Structure formats: structure tokens, C-alpha cells
Amino acid sequence: MRTFSLNDINLIELLAKAKAESQLIFDKESTRSPDDPRAQGRTLDDITVTSMYGLAAEQFLIEKCNFTDNPLPYQDVISPEGIDVEVKVTKVFNYIPDVLRRLKEKRKKYPSLYQPDWVFIYTNNRKTREYVFAGTYKWNGNTYVTKDWSLEIDREFLENVGEYFDSR
């Protein structure tokens, strides 16, 4: 996980994914309803542009960091270790608390909806092709806290190995 540029990823593949995901979103009546303040009558092109903005970070993780695309609807990526990860992109670093607050609210509002415990956040101001890796966060059962992905994954692996040998 690091800073990257749109020049670093396959933009044809990014556009294809964005179009497919955008069509699924657009096909929902609530997405384009002028009566819904969240939808504001968005067009398919509006949704595609927004999807590309967020999917670029997922595409980078897939192409350059050995993550895989999560095939489940509206899920992001799976790490090489097999861990589901939510990927978010926001304009500036100062917006990260709001991104995490919205994810927390979604967990509380839809407790039966599966949501990964890990979140990777990138920033991009929509004026440049550069995406800056801003951090990794983990759900602790109550809120999202900053966690070092590498250290945490290694710690969990070592705990699991210890449990494996203890059971023998």
C-alpha cells in the first residue's frame, strides 16, 4: 500500500469495472430518483465517474499489491492473506474522520449486512492523477481505530500459529 498515480494502473480495466458497477447502482430506482436528496437524479455517467474515483484505489491494490477483487456484490478487495478489506477514497486527509463515521453509522444501521473490519483510505483531490495512501483502520467492535496493517496481520498470524501448535 503506497501512493500511486492513475498512470500506474490499467485504465481500460478500471473503466470496465466502473461501468459494470455503475450499471448495477443505476438500475436501482432509488439511485436516480429526483425525490431522494442523496440521489439528486444522477445519470449513469455521473455514477461511472464517481465509481472510477473510488475503484482506482482498488485497482491499484489488485494490480500492484497482489490483492484480489472480492466477487461479492458491493465488496471491495481481499488481501493476499485472505482478509476482506473496504477501500475508501476521500478528497483530503481532514475528511477521514467523516468517512469512518459514515462507515460506523452503516454498521449500526445495517447490523446484518456484512462489512469488512479493515478499511484502507486514500486521498485524491480530483484535480490530479495522484492518490495518497492515508492509512489503515480496523473496527474494534465499537469504532474504527488506526492500526498498522503489517504489524497487525503478522500478530494475528503468529497468534493463530501459536493456537495451532497448542492444540497438538
Protein backbone atom coordinates (compact mmCIF):
# COMPACT_ATOMS: atom_id res chain seq x y z
CA MET A 1 0.00 0.00 0.00
CA ARG A 2 1.52 3.23 -1.10
CA THR A 3 0.89 6.38 -3.02
CA PHE A 4 0.19 5.80 -6.70
CA SER A 5 -0.80 7.58 -9.88
CA LEU A 6 -3.55 6.74 -12.32
CA ASN A 7 -0.65 6.23 -14.75
CA ASP A 8 0.31 3.17 -12.67
CA ILE A 9 -2.87 1.19 -13.34
CA ASN A 10 -4.76 -0.25 -16.29
CA LEU A 11 -7.33 2.46 -17.06
CA ILE A 12 -9.20 0.30 -19.60
CA GLU A 13 -9.82 -2.32 -16.92
CA LEU A 14 -10.73 0.40 -14.40
CA LEU A 15 -13.33 1.85 -16.77
CA ALA A 16 -14.81 -1.59 -17.48
CA LYS A 17 -15.23 -2.27 -13.75
CA ALA A 18 -16.66 1.18 -13.14
CA LYS A 19 -19.20 0.77 -15.95
CA ALA A 20 -20.33 -2.63 -14.66
CA GLU A 21 -20.64 -1.45 -11.05
CA SER A 22 -22.31 1.80 -12.11
CA GLN A 23 -24.96 -0.04 -14.10
CA LEU A 24 -25.89 -2.10 -11.03
CA ILE A 25 -26.18 1.07 -8.98
CA PHE A 26 -28.08 2.94 -11.69
CA ASP A 27 -30.57 0.12 -12.11
CA LYS A 28 -31.83 0.74 -8.57
CA GLU A 29 -34.72 3.22 -8.70
CA SER A 30 -33.59 4.98 -5.52
CA THR A 31 -30.23 5.84 -7.12
CA ARG A 32 -31.65 8.16 -9.72
CA SER A 33 -34.85 9.38 -8.05
CA PRO A 34 -35.06 13.20 -8.13
CA ASP A 35 -37.10 12.93 -4.90
CA ASP A 36 -34.20 11.35 -2.99
CA PRO A 37 -31.75 14.07 -1.83
CA ARG A 38 -28.88 11.57 -1.88
CA ALA A 39 -29.52 10.60 -5.50
CA GLN A 40 -30.27 14.03 -6.94
CA GLY A 41 -31.26 12.44 -10.24
CA ARG A 42 -27.74 11.16 -11.02
CA THR A 43 -27.06 9.99 -14.54
CA LEU A 44 -25.24 6.79 -15.43
CA ASP A 45 -22.21 8.89 -16.44
CA ASP A 46 -22.25 10.68 -13.05
CA ILE A 47 -22.24 7.35 -11.26
CA THR A 48 -19.47 5.99 -13.51
CA VAL A 49 -17.18 8.95 -12.80
CA THR A 50 -17.77 8.58 -9.06
CA SER A 51 -17.18 4.84 -9.26
CA MET A 52 -13.89 5.31 -11.13
CA TYR A 53 -12.70 7.70 -8.42
CA GLY A 54 -13.07 5.03 -5.74
CA LEU A 55 -12.30 1.96 -7.81
CA ALA A 56 -8.89 3.33 -8.82
CA ALA A 57 -7.50 2.52 -5.37
CA GLU A 58 -8.96 -0.99 -5.53
CA GLN A 59 -7.47 -1.48 -8.98
CA PHE A 60 -4.06 -0.38 -7.69
CA LEU A 61 -4.21 -2.88 -4.81
CA ILE A 62 -5.19 -5.64 -7.22
CA GLU A 63 -2.56 -4.87 -9.86
CA LYS A 64 0.38 -3.86 -7.69
CA CYS A 65 -0.14 -5.38 -4.22
CA ASN A 66 -1.47 -8.88 -5.02
CA PHE A 67 -4.97 -8.25 -3.66
CA THR A 68 -7.90 -9.88 -5.46
CA ASP A 69 -11.26 -8.46 -6.40
CA ASN A 70 -13.94 -9.54 -3.96
CA PRO A 71 -16.63 -11.18 -6.13
CA LEU A 72 -19.46 -10.46 -3.68
CA PRO A 73 -21.74 -7.54 -4.58
CA TYR A 74 -20.57 -4.18 -3.24
CA GLN A 75 -17.47 -5.66 -1.61
CA ASP A 76 -14.02 -4.33 -2.44
CA VAL A 77 -10.87 -6.45 -2.23
CA ILE A 78 -9.32 -9.43 -0.49
CA SER A 79 -5.73 -9.23 0.76
CA PRO A 80 -3.11 -11.85 -0.12
CA GLU A 81 -3.69 -13.17 3.43
CA GLY A 82 -7.38 -13.74 2.64
CA ILE A 83 -8.73 -10.77 4.61
CA ASP A 84 -11.62 -8.69 3.25
CA VAL A 85 -10.80 -5.00 3.01
CA GLU A 86 -13.03 -1.97 2.41
CA VAL A 87 -11.28 0.69 0.29
CA LYS A 88 -12.27 4.34 0.50
CA VAL A 89 -11.05 7.46 -1.27
CA THR A 90 -11.69 10.96 0.00
CA LYS A 91 -10.61 14.42 -1.15
CA VAL A 92 -8.40 15.40 1.77
CA PHE A 93 -6.92 13.88 4.90
CA ASN A 94 -9.18 16.03 7.13
CA TYR A 95 -12.25 14.21 5.76
CA ILE A 96 -11.12 10.80 7.04
CA PRO A 97 -12.96 11.06 10.37
CA ASP A 98 -16.19 11.69 8.45
CA VAL A 99 -15.55 8.66 6.20
CA LEU A 100 -15.04 6.48 9.29
CA ARG A 101 -18.12 7.98 10.98
CA ARG A 102 -20.28 7.10 7.97
CA LEU A 103 -18.91 3.53 7.94
CA LYS A 104 -19.67 3.22 11.66
CA GLU A 105 -23.22 4.52 11.12
CA LYS A 106 -23.71 1.99 8.31
CA ARG A 107 -22.64 -0.83 10.66
CA LYS A 108 -25.13 0.34 13.29
CA LYS A 109 -27.97 0.88 10.79
CA TYR A 110 -27.49 -2.44 8.99
CA PRO A 111 -26.07 -4.87 11.59
CA SER A 112 -26.86 -7.94 9.46
CA LEU A 113 -25.02 -6.54 6.42
CA TYR A 114 -21.51 -7.95 6.12
CA GLN A 115 -18.84 -5.26 6.32
CA PRO A 116 -15.09 -5.90 6.48
CA ASP A 117 -13.29 -4.98 9.69
CA TRP A 118 -10.39 -3.43 7.78
CA VAL A 119 -10.55 -0.13 5.88
CA PHE A 120 -7.80 1.33 3.69
CA ILE A 121 -8.14 5.02 2.91
CA TYR A 122 -6.54 7.02 0.11
CA THR A 123 -6.85 10.72 -0.64
CA ASN A 124 -7.19 12.31 -4.06
CA ASN A 125 -8.34 15.89 -4.61
CA ARG A 126 -9.91 15.05 -8.02
CA LYS A 127 -7.58 17.59 -9.64
CA THR A 128 -4.52 15.36 -10.02
CA ARG A 129 -3.85 11.77 -11.00
CA GLU A 130 -2.09 11.11 -7.67
CA TYR A 131 -3.66 9.00 -4.92
CA VAL A 132 -2.01 9.29 -1.50
CA PHE A 133 -2.18 6.36 0.90
CA ALA A 134 -3.65 7.87 4.07
CA GLY A 135 -3.91 4.92 6.44
CA THR A 136 -5.38 1.63 7.60
CA TYR A 137 -8.17 1.35 10.13
CA LYS A 138 -9.74 -1.58 11.94
CA TRP A 139 -13.16 -1.99 13.52
CA ASN A 140 -12.78 -2.79 17.23
CA GLY A 141 -16.44 -3.63 17.86
CA ASN A 142 -17.36 -0.04 18.65
CA THR A 143 -15.46 2.25 16.32
CA TYR A 144 -12.65 2.36 13.76
CA VAL A 145 -9.15 2.78 15.13
CA THR A 146 -5.85 3.38 13.37
CA LYS A 147 -3.95 0.11 13.03
CA ASP A 148 -0.72 -0.73 11.28
CA TRP A 149 -1.80 -3.33 8.70
CA SER A 150 1.56 -5.15 8.52
CA LEU A 151 2.09 -5.38 12.26
CA GLU A 152 -1.50 -6.41 12.96
CA ILE A 153 -1.59 -9.07 10.25
CA ASP A 154 1.73 -10.51 11.45
CA ARG A 155 0.48 -10.51 15.08
CA GLU A 156 -2.75 -12.30 14.11
CA PHE A 157 -0.79 -14.85 12.08
CA LEU A 158 1.55 -15.58 14.99
CA GLU A 159 -1.41 -15.95 17.39
CA ASN A 160 -3.06 -18.42 15.02
CA VAL A 161 0.15 -20.39 14.62
CA GLY A 162 0.51 -20.50 18.41
CA GLU A 163 -3.06 -21.78 18.78
CA TYR A 164 -2.37 -24.40 16.09
CA PHE A 165 0.69 -25.76 17.93
CA ASP A 166 -1.05 -25.55 21.31
CA SER A 167 -3.83 -27.81 20.01
CA ARG A 168 -1.41 -30.57 19.02
